[in-house]
C-alpha cells in the first residue's frame, strides 16, 4: 500500500523523509479521529472535510491502485447519498485500511531509524 520507493525518489534526504513520514502518520491519526468523531455526531459535512484531507494524504503516500483508494470512493458515494448508516459501514472498512497504512508507516519509520 505505502509507496516507499516513490517517496524515496520524492525525498532523497533520509532525515527529511523520516520527518515527512512521521508527520503523515501523526496527521492520519488526528484526521482519522476527527472523522470518527464527525461521523459519531452524524455530521456528514464535517466528516467529508476530514475525508478530503485524509484522501489527499493517502494519494501522496500510496500506490495509485491501492485498495484504500477504492475504500475512499465507496465512502464518498455513501456520504453523497446522505445514508448515514451506509457511510458508517463504508467508513469502518476504510478505517481498517487506514490502520494498515499507519502500521506500514510505522515500520518504514522504524527501518529508517535503524
PDB file of N, CA and C in Angstrom:
ATOM      1  N   UNK A   1       0.830  -1.186   0.000  1.00  0.00           N
ATOM      2  CA  UNK A   1       0.000   0.000   0.000  1.00  0.00           C
ATOM      3  C   UNK A   1       0.881   1.260   0.000  1.00  0.00           C
ATOM      4  N   UNK A   2       1.748   1.389   0.995  1.00  0.00           N
ATOM      5  CA  UNK A   2       2.655   2.528   1.066  1.00  0.00           C
ATOM      6  C   UNK A   2       3.657   2.427  -0.077  1.00  0.00           C
ATOM      7  N   UNK A   3       3.778   3.493  -0.835  1.00  0.00           N
ATOM      8  CA  UNK A   3       4.699   3.500  -1.975  1.00  0.00           C
ATOM      9  C   UNK A   3       6.015   4.138  -1.548  1.00  0.00           C
ATOM     10  N   UNK A   4       6.752   3.411  -0.729  1.00  0.00           N
ATOM     11  CA  UNK A   4       8.008   3.926  -0.196  1.00  0.00           C
ATOM     12  C   UNK A   4       9.044   4.214  -1.275  1.00  0.00           C
ATOM     13  N   UNK A   5       9.172   3.395  -2.313  1.00  0.00           N
ATOM     14  CA  UNK A   5      10.132   3.740  -3.370  1.00  0.00           C
ATOM     15  C   UNK A   5       9.829   5.095  -4.019  1.00  0.00           C
ATOM     16  N   UNK A   6       8.568   5.375  -4.268  1.00  0.00           N
ATOM     17  CA  UNK A   6       8.211   6.676  -4.861  1.00  0.00           C
ATOM     18  C   UNK A   6       8.499   7.806  -3.880  1.00  0.00           C
ATOM     19  N   UNK A   7       8.245   7.574  -2.603  1.00  0.00           N
ATOM     20  CA  UNK A   7       8.522   8.604  -1.600  1.00  0.00           C
ATOM     21  C   UNK A   7      10.020   8.846  -1.458  1.00  0.00           C
ATOM     22  N   UNK A   8      10.812   7.790  -1.595  1.00  0.00           N
ATOM     23  CA  UNK A   8      12.273   7.943  -1.546  1.00  0.00           C
ATOM     24  C   UNK A   8      12.785   8.765  -2.738  1.00  0.00           C
ATOM     25  N   UNK A   9      12.141   8.580  -3.892  1.00  0.00           N
ATOM     26  CA  UNK A   9      12.523   9.391  -5.063  1.00  0.00           C
ATOM     27  C   UNK A   9      12.116  10.848  -4.866  1.00  0.00           C
ATOM     28  N   UNK A  10      10.997  11.052  -4.213  1.00  0.00           N
ATOM     29  CA  UNK A  10      10.494  12.399  -3.963  1.00  0.00           C
ATOM     30  C   UNK A  10      11.341  13.124  -2.921  1.00  0.00           C
ATOM     31  N   UNK A  11      11.765  12.382  -1.920  1.00  0.00           N
ATOM     32  CA  UNK A  11      12.519  12.962  -0.806  1.00  0.00           C
ATOM     33  C   UNK A  11      13.765  12.111  -0.577  1.00  0.00           C
ATOM     34  N   UNK A  12      14.877  12.510  -1.178  1.00  0.00           N
ATOM     35  CA  UNK A  12      16.095  11.692  -1.156  1.00  0.00           C
ATOM     36  C   UNK A  12      16.909  11.845   0.125  1.00  0.00           C
ATOM     37  N   UNK A  13      16.640  12.838   0.909  1.00  0.00           N
ATOM     38  CA  UNK A  13      17.362  13.083   2.159  1.00  0.00           C
ATOM     39  C   UNK A  13      16.655  12.316   3.280  1.00  0.00           C
ATOM     40  N   UNK A  14      17.309  11.286   3.821  1.00  0.00           N
ATOM     41  CA  UNK A  14      16.691  10.364   4.784  1.00  0.00           C
ATOM     42  C   UNK A  14      16.071  11.067   5.996  1.00  0.00           C
ATOM     43  N   UNK A  15      16.752  12.037   6.633  1.00  0.00           N
ATOM     44  CA  UNK A  15      16.115  12.708   7.774  1.00  0.00           C
ATOM     45  C   UNK A  15      14.825  13.440   7.383  1.00  0.00           C
ATOM     46  N   UNK A  16      14.814  14.030   6.202  1.00  0.00           N
ATOM     47  CA  UNK A  16      13.591  14.709   5.754  1.00  0.00           C
ATOM     48  C   UNK A  16      12.489  13.706   5.462  1.00  0.00           C
ATOM     49  N   UNK A  17      12.857  12.555   4.919  1.00  0.00           N
ATOM     50  CA  UNK A  17      11.871  11.513   4.647  1.00  0.00           C
ATOM     51  C   UNK A  17      11.277  11.000   5.960  1.00  0.00           C
ATOM     52  N   UNK A  18      12.126  10.799   6.963  1.00  0.00           N
ATOM     53  CA  UNK A  18      11.629  10.371   8.275  1.00  0.00           C
ATOM     54  C   UNK A  18      10.646  11.394   8.839  1.00  0.00           C
ATOM     55  N   UNK A  19      10.998  12.670   8.692  1.00  0.00           N
ATOM     56  CA  UNK A  19      10.104  13.732   9.198  1.00  0.00           C
ATOM     57  C   UNK A  19       8.784  13.716   8.434  1.00  0.00           C
ATOM     58  N   UNK A  20       8.853  13.580   7.120  1.00  0.00           N
ATOM     59  CA  UNK A  20       7.649  13.531   6.290  1.00  0.00           C
ATOM     60  C   UNK A  20       6.757  12.356   6.702  1.00  0.00           C
ATOM     61  N   UNK A  21       7.352  11.185   6.856  1.00  0.00           N
ATOM     62  CA  UNK A  21       6.574  10.010   7.242  1.00  0.00           C
ATOM     63  C   UNK A  21       5.998  10.151   8.653  1.00  0.00           C
ATOM     64  N   UNK A  22       6.777  10.737   9.544  1.00  0.00           N
ATOM     65  CA  UNK A  22       6.296  10.960  10.911  1.00  0.00           C
ATOM     66  C   UNK A  22       5.118  11.915  10.948  1.00  0.00           C
ATOM     67  N   UNK A  23       5.218  12.996  10.195  1.00  0.00           N
ATOM     68  CA  UNK A  23       4.103  13.949  10.127  1.00  0.00           C
ATOM     69  C   UNK A  23       2.880  13.312   9.477  1.00  0.00           C
ATOM     70  N   UNK A  24       3.113  12.522   8.452  1.00  0.00           N
ATOM     71  CA  UNK A  24       1.999  11.841   7.789  1.00  0.00           C
ATOM     72  C   UNK A  24       1.291  10.906   8.764  1.00  0.00           C
ATOM     73  N   UNK A  25       2.060  10.152   9.521  1.00  0.00           N
ATOM     74  CA  UNK A  25       1.478   9.220  10.487  1.00  0.00           C
ATOM     75  C   UNK A  25       0.671   9.978  11.540  1.00  0.00           C
ATOM     76  N   UNK A  26       1.235  11.040  12.061  1.00  0.00           N
ATOM     77  CA  UNK A  26       0.548  11.839  13.077  1.00  0.00           C
ATOM     78  C   UNK A  26      -0.753  12.439  12.523  1.00  0.00           C
ATOM     79  N   UNK A  27      -0.692  12.985  11.318  1.00  0.00           N
ATOM     80  CA  UNK A  27      -1.875  13.611  10.741  1.00  0.00           C
ATOM     81  C   UNK A  27      -2.940  12.593  10.352  1.00  0.00           C
ATOM     82  N   UNK A  28      -2.536  11.403   9.909  1.00  0.00           N
ATOM     83  CA  UNK A  28      -3.516  10.350   9.635  1.00  0.00           C
ATOM     84  C   UNK A  28      -4.270   9.980  10.907  1.00  0.00           C
ATOM     85  N   UNK A  29      -3.558   9.889  11.991  1.00  0.00           N
ATOM     86  CA  UNK A  29      -4.202   9.557  13.270  1.00  0.00           C
ATOM     87  C   UNK A  29      -5.160  10.662  13.703  1.00  0.00           C
ATOM     88  N   UNK A  30      -4.714  11.899  13.612  1.00  0.00           N
ATOM     89  CA  UNK A  30      -5.553  13.031  14.037  1.00  0.00           C
ATOM     90  C   UNK A  30      -6.781  13.159  13.142  1.00  0.00           C
ATOM     91  N   UNK A  31      -6.563  13.156  11.837  1.00  0.00           N
ATOM     92  CA  UNK A  31      -7.700  13.311  10.924  1.00  0.00           C
ATOM     93  C   UNK A  31      -8.634  12.112  10.972  1.00  0.00           C
ATOM     94  N   UNK A  32      -8.096  10.927  11.194  1.00  0.00           N
ATOM     95  CA  UNK A  32      -8.939   9.748  11.353  1.00  0.00           C
ATOM     96  C   UNK A  32      -9.824   9.858  12.585  1.00  0.00           C
ATOM     97  N   UNK A  33      -9.247  10.342  13.667  1.00  0.00           N
ATOM     98  CA  UNK A  33     -10.014  10.547  14.899  1.00  0.00           C
ATOM     99  C   UNK A  33     -11.097  11.597  14.680  1.00  0.00           C
ATOM    100  N   UNK A  34     -10.738  12.696  14.034  1.00  0.00           N
ATOM    101  CA  UNK A  34     -11.722  13.754  13.759  1.00  0.00           C
ATOM    102  C   UNK A  34     -12.853  13.244  12.874  1.00  0.00           C
ATOM    103  N   UNK A  35     -12.512  12.430  11.887  1.00  0.00           N
ATOM    104  CA  UNK A  35     -13.538  11.864  11.006  1.00  0.00           C
ATOM    105  C   UNK A  35     -14.470  10.959  11.803  1.00  0.00           C
ATOM    106  N   UNK A  36     -13.903  10.152  12.677  1.00  0.00           N
ATOM    107  CA  UNK A  36     -14.727   9.262  13.508  1.00  0.00           C
ATOM    108  C   UNK A  36     -15.672  10.068  14.401  1.00  0.00           C
ATOM    109  N   UNK A  37     -15.161  11.143  14.969  1.00  0.00           N
ATOM    110  CA  UNK A  37     -15.994  11.997  15.821  1.00  0.00           C
ATOM    111  C   UNK A  37     -17.123  12.634  15.010  1.00  0.00           C
ATOM    112  N   UNK A  38     -16.800  13.119  13.828  1.00  0.00           N
ATOM    113  CA  UNK A  38     -17.821  13.753  12.984  1.00  0.00           C
ATOM    114  C   UNK A  38     -18.905  12.744  12.617  1.00  0.00           C
ATOM    115  N   UNK A  39     -18.498  11.544  12.298  1.00  0.00           N
ATOM    116  CA  UNK A  39     -19.457  10.506  11.929  1.00  0.00           C
ATOM    117  C   UNK A  39     -20.308  10.103  13.135  1.00  0.00           C
ATOM    118  N   UNK A  40     -19.675  10.002  14.292  1.00  0.00           N
ATOM    119  CA  UNK A  40     -20.416   9.677  15.515  1.00  0.00           C
ATOM    120  C   UNK A  40     -21.455  10.753  15.825  1.00  0.00           C
ATOM    121  N   UNK A  41     -21.129  12.003  15.485  1.00  0.00           N
ATOM    122  CA  UNK A  41     -22.058  13.123  15.694  1.00  0.00           C
ATOM    123  C   UNK A  41     -23.107  13.214  14.591  1.00  0.00           C
ATOM    124  N   UNK A  42     -22.944  12.394  13.542  1.00  0.00           N
ATOM    125  CA  UNK A  42     -23.870  12.445  12.416  1.00  0.00           C
ATOM    126  C   UNK A  42     -23.655  13.639  11.513  1.00  0.00           C
ATOM    127  N   UNK A  43     -22.478  14.242  11.593  1.00  0.00           N
ATOM    128  CA  UNK A  43     -22.160  15.447  10.809  1.00  0.00           C
ATOM    129  C   UNK A  43     -21.427  15.041   9.530  1.00  0.00           C
ATOM    130  N   UNK A  44     -22.187  14.774   8.483  1.00  0.00           N
ATOM    131  CA  UNK A  44     -21.591  14.328   7.224  1.00  0.00           C
ATOM    132  C   UNK A  44     -20.760  15.411   6.553  1.00  0.00           C
ATOM    133  N   UNK A  45     -21.106  16.670   6.778  1.00  0.00           N
ATOM    134  CA  UNK A  45     -20.323  17.760   6.179  1.00  0.00           C
ATOM    135  C   UNK A  45     -18.918  17.802   6.786  1.00  0.00           C
ATOM    136  N   UNK A  46     -18.845  17.795   8.109  1.00  0.00           N
ATOM    137  CA  UNK A  46     -17.536  17.789   8.787  1.00  0.00           C
ATOM    138  C   UNK A  46     -16.772  16.511   8.460  1.00  0.00           C
ATOM    139  N   UNK A  47     -17.484  15.398   8.404  1.00  0.00           N
ATOM    140  CA  UNK A  47     -16.874  14.125   8.036  1.00  0.00           C
ATOM    141  C   UNK A  47     -16.256  14.217   6.640  1.00  0.00           C
ATOM    142  N   UNK A  48     -16.978  14.811   5.704  1.00  0.00           N
ATOM    143  CA  UNK A  48     -16.479  14.960   4.336  1.00  0.00           C
ATOM    144  C   UNK A  48     -15.201  15.770   4.267  1.00  0.00           C
ATOM    145  N   UNK A  49     -15.106  16.806   5.075  1.00  0.00           N
ATOM    146  CA  UNK A  49     -13.885  17.623   5.107  1.00  0.00           C
ATOM    147  C   UNK A  49     -12.697  16.806   5.620  1.00  0.00           C
ATOM    148  N   UNK A  50     -12.948  15.991   6.628  1.00  0.00           N
ATOM    149  CA  UNK A  50     -11.887  15.126   7.148  1.00  0.00           C
ATOM    150  C   UNK A  50     -11.471  14.104   6.094  1.00  0.00           C
ATOM    151  N   UNK A  51     -12.450  13.542   5.408  1.00  0.00           N
ATOM    152  CA  UNK A  51     -12.155  12.563   4.362  1.00  0.00           C
ATOM    153  C   UNK A  51     -11.322  13.182   3.243  1.00  0.00           C
ATOM    154  N   UNK A  52     -11.616  14.430   2.929  1.00  0.00           N
ATOM    155  CA  UNK A  52     -10.861  15.114   1.871  1.00  0.00           C
ATOM    156  C   UNK A  52      -9.384  15.227   2.267  1.00  0.00           C
ATOM    157  N   UNK A  53      -9.121  15.617   3.504  1.00  0.00           N
ATOM    158  CA  UNK A  53      -7.733  15.726   3.974  1.00  0.00           C
ATOM    159  C   UNK A  53      -7.057  14.356   3.989  1.00  0.00           C
ATOM    160  N   UNK A  54      -7.768  13.368   4.503  1.00  0.00           N
ATOM    161  CA  UNK A  54      -7.199  12.014   4.555  1.00  0.00           C
ATOM    162  C   UNK A  54      -6.894  11.484   3.161  1.00  0.00           C
ATOM    163  N   UNK A  55      -7.823  11.663   2.245  1.00  0.00           N
ATOM    164  CA  UNK A  55      -7.619  11.156   0.889  1.00  0.00           C
ATOM    165  C   UNK A  55      -6.431  11.836   0.220  1.00  0.00           C
ATOM    166  N   UNK A  56      -6.275  13.137   0.445  1.00  0.00           N
ATOM    167  CA  UNK A  56      -5.124  13.840  -0.129  1.00  0.00           C
ATOM    168  C   UNK A  56      -3.810  13.254   0.359  1.00  0.00           C
ATOM    169  N   UNK A  57      -3.734  12.987   1.648  1.00  0.00           N
ATOM    170  CA  UNK A  57      -2.512  12.396   2.206  1.00  0.00           C
ATOM    171  C   UNK A  57      -2.280  10.994   1.645  1.00  0.00           C
ATOM    172  N   UNK A  58      -3.337  10.216   1.570  1.00  0.00           N
ATOM    173  CA  UNK A  58      -3.218   8.847   1.078  1.00  0.00           C
ATOM    174  C   UNK A  58      -2.785   8.835  -0.390  1.00  0.00           C
ATOM    175  N   UNK A  59      -3.282   9.771  -1.170  1.00  0.00           N
ATOM    176  CA  UNK A  59      -2.892   9.838  -2.591  1.00  0.00           C
ATOM    177  C   UNK A  59      -1.398  10.098  -2.745  1.00  0.00           C
ATOM    178  N   UNK A  60      -0.805  10.828  -1.829  1.00  0.00           N
ATOM    179  CA  UNK A  60       0.632  11.092  -1.881  1.00  0.00           C
ATOM    180  C   UNK A  60       1.422   9.880  -1.392  1.00  0.00           C
ATOM    181  N   UNK A  61       0.894   9.191  -0.393  1.00  0.00           N
ATOM    182  CA  UNK A  61       1.631   8.121   0.273  1.00  0.00           C
ATOM    183  C   UNK A  61       1.532   6.755  -0.405  1.00  0.00           C
ATOM    184  N   UNK A  62       0.445   6.512  -1.104  1.00  0.00           N
ATOM    185  CA  UNK A  62       0.146   5.149  -1.551  1.00  0.00           C
ATOM    186  C   UNK A  62       0.240   4.989  -3.058  1.00  0.00           C
ATOM    187  N   UNK A  63       0.433   3.736  -3.433  1.00  0.00           N
ATOM    188  CA  UNK A  63       0.423   3.380  -4.848  1.00  0.00           C
ATOM    189  C   UNK A  63      -0.955   3.698  -5.425  1.00  0.00           C
ATOM    190  N   UNK A  64      -0.974   4.049  -6.677  1.00  0.00           N
ATOM    191  CA  UNK A  64      -2.203   4.527  -7.317  1.00  0.00           C
ATOM    192  C   UNK A  64      -3.308   3.485  -7.384  1.00  0.00           C
ATOM    193  N   UNK A  65      -2.980   2.221  -7.356  1.00  0.00           N
ATOM    194  CA  UNK A  65      -4.002   1.168  -7.434  1.00  0.00           C
ATOM    195  C   UNK A  65      -4.249   0.506  -6.078  1.00  0.00           C
ATOM    196  N   UNK A  66      -3.966   1.221  -5.036  1.00  0.00           N
ATOM    197  CA  UNK A  66      -4.106   0.673  -3.692  1.00  0.00           C
ATOM    198  C   UNK A  66      -5.579   0.504  -3.316  1.00  0.00           C
ATOM    199  N   UNK A  67      -5.914  -0.586  -2.627  1.00  0.00           N
ATOM    200  CA  UNK A  67      -7.303  -0.816  -2.203  1.00  0.00           C
ATOM    201  C   UNK A  67      -7.871   0.304  -1.342  1.00  0.00           C
ATOM    202  N   UNK A  68      -7.013   1.012  -0.639  1.00  0.00           N
ATOM    203  CA  UNK A  68      -7.505   2.083   0.228  1.00  0.00           C
ATOM    204  C   UNK A  68      -8.194   3.186  -0.592  1.00  0.00           C
ATOM    205  N   UNK A  69      -7.724   3.394  -1.808  1.00  0.00           N
ATOM    206  CA  UNK A  69      -8.345   4.423  -2.649  1.00  0.00           C
ATOM    207  C   UNK A  69      -9.750   4.007  -3.067  1.00  0.00           C
ATOM    208  N   UNK A  70      -9.954   2.718  -3.278  1.00  0.00           N
ATOM    209  CA  UNK A  70     -11.296   2.211  -3.569  1.00  0.00           C
ATOM    210  C   UNK A  70     -12.216   2.408  -2.367  1.00  0.00           C
ATOM    211  N   UNK A  71     -11.677   2.235  -1.178  1.00  0.00           N
ATOM    212  CA  UNK A  71     -12.470   2.464   0.035  1.00  0.00           C
ATOM    213  C   UNK A  71     -12.926   3.919   0.119  1.00  0.00           C
ATOM    214  N   UNK A  72     -12.030   4.841  -0.218  1.00  0.00           N
ATOM    215  CA  UNK A  72     -12.414   6.254  -0.213  1.00  0.00           C
ATOM    216  C   UNK A  72     -13.571   6.503  -1.177  1.00  0.00           C
ATOM    217  N   UNK A  73     -13.524   5.882  -2.341  1.00  0.00           N
ATOM    218  CA  UNK A  73     -14.602   6.065  -3.318  1.00  0.00           C
ATOM    219  C   UNK A  73     -15.931   5.561  -2.763  1.00  0.00           C
ATOM    220  N   UNK A  74     -15.920   4.414  -2.113  1.00  0.00           N
ATOM    221  CA  UNK A  74     -17.157   3.873  -1.553  1.00  0.00           C
ATOM    222  C   UNK A  74     -17.694   4.762  -0.433  1.00  0.00           C
ATOM    223  N   UNK A  75     -16.803   5.301   0.382  1.00  0.00           N
ATOM    224  CA  UNK A  75     -17.223   6.215   1.446  1.00  0.00           C
ATOM    225  C   UNK A  75     -17.844   7.469   0.833  1.00  0.00           C
ATOM    226  N   UNK A  76     -17.208   7.999  -0.192  1.00  0.00           N
ATOM    227  CA  UNK A  76     -17.731   9.210  -0.830  1.00  0.00           C
ATOM    228  C   UNK A  76     -19.102   8.980  -1.441  1.00  0.00           C
ATOM    229  N   UNK A  77     -19.304   7.830  -2.075  1.00  0.00           N
ATOM    230  CA  UNK A  77     -20.610   7.523  -2.649  1.00  0.00           C
ATOM    231  C   UNK A  77     -21.680   7.411  -1.565  1.00  0.00           C
ATOM    232  N   UNK A  78     -21.352   6.746  -0.484  1.00  0.00           N
ATOM    233  CA  UNK A  78     -22.306   6.609   0.620  1.00  0.00           C
ATOM    234  C   UNK A  78     -22.616   7.970   1.236  1.00  0.00           C
ATOM    235  N   UNK A  79     -21.576   8.776   1.423  1.00  0.00           N
ATOM    236  CA  UNK A  79     -21.767  10.106   2.003  1.00  0.00           C
ATOM    237  C   UNK A  79     -22.632  10.963   1.088  1.00  0.00           C
ATOM    238  N   UNK A  80     -22.370  10.916  -0.211  1.00  0.00           N
ATOM    239  CA  UNK A  80     -23.128  11.721  -1.169  1.00  0.00           C
ATOM    240  C   UNK A  80     -24.604  11.331  -1.188  1.00  0.00           C
ATOM    241  N   UNK A  81     -24.891  10.063  -0.901  1.00  0.00           N
ATOM    242  CA  UNK A  81     -26.286   9.611  -0.875  1.00  0.00           C
ATOM    243  C   UNK A  81     -27.006  10.106   0.376  1.00  0.00           C
ATOM    244  N   UNK A  82     -26.243  10.553   1.368  1.00  0.00           N
ATOM    245  CA  UNK A  82     -26.831  11.018   2.618  1.00  0.00           C
ATOM    246  C   UNK A  82     -27.217   9.895   3.562  1.00  0.00           C
ATOM    247  N   UNK A  83     -26.842   8.671   3.220  1.00  0.00           N
ATOM    248  CA  UNK A  83     -27.170   7.496   4.031  1.00  0.00           C
ATOM    249  C   UNK A  83     -26.126   7.348   5.138  1.00  0.00           C
ATOM    250  N   UNK A  84     -26.481   7.795   6.332  1.00  0.00           N
ATOM    251  CA  UNK A  84     -25.536   7.789   7.452  1.00  0.00           C
ATOM    252  C   UNK A  84     -25.121   6.361   7.828  1.00  0.00           C
ATOM    253  N   UNK A  85     -26.064   5.445   7.802  1.00  0.00           N
ATOM    254  CA  UNK A  85     -25.755   4.057   8.149  1.00  0.00           C
ATOM    255  C   UNK A  85     -24.764   3.446   7.158  1.00  0.00           C
ATOM    256  N   UNK A  86     -24.998   3.643   5.873  1.00  0.00           N
ATOM    257  CA  UNK A  86     -24.093   3.114   4.856  1.00  0.00           C
ATOM    258  C   UNK A  86     -22.735   3.807   4.927  1.00  0.00           C
ATOM    259  N   UNK A  87     -22.740   5.101   5.203  1.00  0.00           N
ATOM    260  CA  UNK A  87     -21.483   5.843   5.342  1.00  0.00           C
ATOM    261  C   UNK A  87     -20.669   5.274   6.496  1.00  0.00           C
ATOM    262  N   UNK A  88     -21.340   4.995   7.599  1.00  0.00           N
ATOM    263  CA  UNK A  88     -20.633   4.408   8.747  1.00  0.00           C
ATOM    264  C   UNK A  88     -20.061   3.036   8.393  1.00  0.00           C
ATOM    265  N   UNK A  89     -20.839   2.237   7.682  1.00  0.00           N
ATOM    266  CA  UNK A  89     -20.378   0.914   7.272  1.00  0.00           C
ATOM    267  C   UNK A  89     -19.127   1.012   6.387  1.00  0.00           C
ATOM    268  N   UNK A  90     -19.172   1.876   5.390  1.00  0.00           N
ATOM    269  CA  UNK A  90     -18.023   2.036   4.483  1.00  0.00           C
ATOM    270  C   UNK A  90     -16.838   2.656   5.219  1.00  0.00           C
ATOM    271  N   UNK A  91     -17.123   3.541   6.157  1.00  0.00           N
ATOM    272  CA  UNK A  91     -16.046   4.175   6.928  1.00  0.00           C
ATOM    273  C   UNK A  91     -15.312   3.152   7.786  1.00  0.00           C
ATOM    274  N   UNK A  92     -16.013   2.134   8.256  1.00  0.00           N
ATOM    275  CA  UNK A  92     -15.350   1.083   9.040  1.00  0.00           C
ATOM    276  C   UNK A  92     -14.350   0.311   8.186  1.00  0.00           C
ATOM    277  N   UNK A  93     -14.740   0.023   6.950  1.00  0.00           N
ATOM    278  CA  UNK A  93     -13.816  -0.665   6.041  1.00  0.00           C
ATOM    279  C   UNK A  93     -12.609   0.221   5.740  1.00  0.00           C
ATOM    280  N   UNK A  94     -12.863   1.504   5.540  1.00  0.00           N
ATOM    281  CA  UNK A  94     -11.768   2.445   5.293  1.00  0.00           C
ATOM    282  C   UNK A  94     -10.858   2.532   6.513  1.00  0.00           C
ATOM    283  N   UNK A  95     -11.442   2.545   7.685  1.00  0.00           N
ATOM    284  CA  UNK A  95     -10.643   2.633   8.903  1.00  0.00           C
ATOM    285  C   UNK A  95      -9.675   1.452   9.013  1.00  0.00           C
ATOM    286  N   UNK A  96     -10.123   0.273   8.625  1.00  0.00           N
ATOM    287  CA  UNK A  96      -9.225  -0.895   8.656  1.00  0.00           C
ATOM    288  C   UNK A  96      -8.043  -0.688   7.704  1.00  0.00           C
ATOM    289  N   UNK A  97      -8.306  -0.116   6.537  1.00  0.00           N
ATOM    290  CA  UNK A  97      -7.234   0.170   5.580  1.00  0.00           C
ATOM    291  C   UNK A  97      -6.300   1.258   6.119  1.00  0.00           C
ATOM    292  N   UNK A  98      -6.862   2.260   6.756  1.00  0.00           N
ATOM    293  CA  UNK A  98      -6.037   3.322   7.342  1.00  0.00           C
ATOM    294  C   UNK A  98      -5.155   2.774   8.452  1.00  0.00           C
ATOM    295  N   UNK A  99      -5.668   1.821   9.227  1.00  0.00           N
ATOM    296  CA  UNK A  99      -4.858   1.193  10.269  1.00  0.00           C
ATOM    297  C   UNK A  99      -3.668   0.457   9.657  1.00  0.00           C
ATOM    298  N   UNK A 100      -3.916  -0.251   8.559  1.00  0.00           N
ATOM    299  CA  UNK A 100      -2.831  -0.953   7.866  1.00  0.00           C
ATOM    300  C   UNK A 100      -1.788   0.042   7.362  1.00  0.00           C
ATOM    301  N   UNK A 101      -2.250   1.143   6.790  1.00  0.00           N
ATOM    302  CA  UNK A 101      -1.321   2.161   6.296  1.00  0.00           C
ATOM    303  C   UNK A 101      -0.493   2.729   7.440  1.00  0.00           C
ATOM    304  N   UNK A 102      -1.126   2.990   8.568  1.00  0.00           N
ATOM    305  CA  UNK A 102      -0.395   3.513   9.719  1.00  0.00           C
ATOM    306  C   UNK A 102       0.663   2.517  10.196  1.00  0.00           C
ATOM    307  N   UNK A 103       0.333   1.236  10.162  1.00  0.00           N
ATOM    308  CA  UNK A 103       1.315   0.216  10.539  1.00  0.00           C
ATOM    309  C   UNK A 103       2.487   0.215   9.562  1.00  0.00           C
ATOM    310  N   UNK A 104       2.197   0.345   8.283  1.00  0.00           N
ATOM    311  CA  UNK A 104       3.271   0.385   7.278  1.00  0.00           C
ATOM    312  C   UNK A 104       4.139   1.629   7.466  1.00  0.00           C
ATOM    313  N   UNK A 105       3.507   2.749   7.765  1.00  0.00           N
ATOM    314  CA  UNK A 105       4.273   3.974   8.020  1.00  0.00           C
ATOM    315  C   UNK A 105       5.180   3.793   9.233  1.00  0.00           C
ATOM    316  N   UNK A 106       4.654   3.194  10.280  1.00  0.00           N
ATOM    317  CA  UNK A 106       5.460   2.984  11.490  1.00  0.00           C
ATOM    318  C   UNK A 106       6.640   2.069  11.195  1.00  0.00           C
ATOM    319  N   UNK A 107       6.397   0.992  10.431  1.00  0.00           N
ATOM    320  CA  UNK A 107       7.504   0.085  10.069  1.00  0.00           C
ATOM    321  C   UNK A 107       8.557   0.830   9.239  1.00  0.00           C
ATOM    322  N   UNK A 108       8.113   1.654   8.310  1.00  0.00           N
ATOM    323  CA  UNK A 108       9.053   2.414   7.484  1.00  0.00           C
ATOM    324  C   UNK A 108       9.867   3.372   8.350  1.00  0.00           C
ATOM    325  N   UNK A 109       9.217   4.008   9.305  1.00  0.00           N
ATOM    326  CA  UNK A 109       9.928   4.907  10.205  1.00  0.00           C
ATOM    327  C   UNK A 109      10.952   4.127  11.034  1.00  0.00           C
ATOM    328  N   UNK A 110      10.554   2.972  11.523  1.00  0.00           N
ATOM    329  CA  UNK A 110      11.474   2.145  12.313  1.00  0.00           C
ATOM    330  C   UNK A 110      12.671   1.717  11.463  1.00  0.00           C
ATOM    331  N   UNK A 111      12.418   1.328  10.223  1.00  0.00           N
ATOM    332  CA  UNK A 111      13.501   0.906   9.340  1.00  0.00           C
ATOM    333  C   UNK A 111      14.449   2.066   9.010  1.00  0.00           C
ATOM    334  N   UNK A 112      13.895   3.252   8.829  1.00  0.00           N
ATOM    335  CA  UNK A 112      14.727   4.420   8.510  1.00  0.00           C
ATOM    336  C   UNK A 112      15.574   4.845   9.717  1.00  0.00           C
ATOM    337  N   UNK A 113      15.064   4.577  10.905  1.00  0.00           N
ATOM    338  CA  UNK A 113      15.789   4.957  12.122  1.00  0.00           C
ATOM    339  C   UNK A 113      16.935   3.982  12.414  1.00  0.00           C
ATOM    340  N   UNK A 114      16.854   2.797  11.855  1.00  0.00           N
ATOM    341  CA  UNK A 114      17.874   1.777  12.130  1.00  0.00           C
ATOM    342  C   UNK A 114      19.179   2.055  11.415  1.00  0.00           C
TER     343      UNK A 114
END
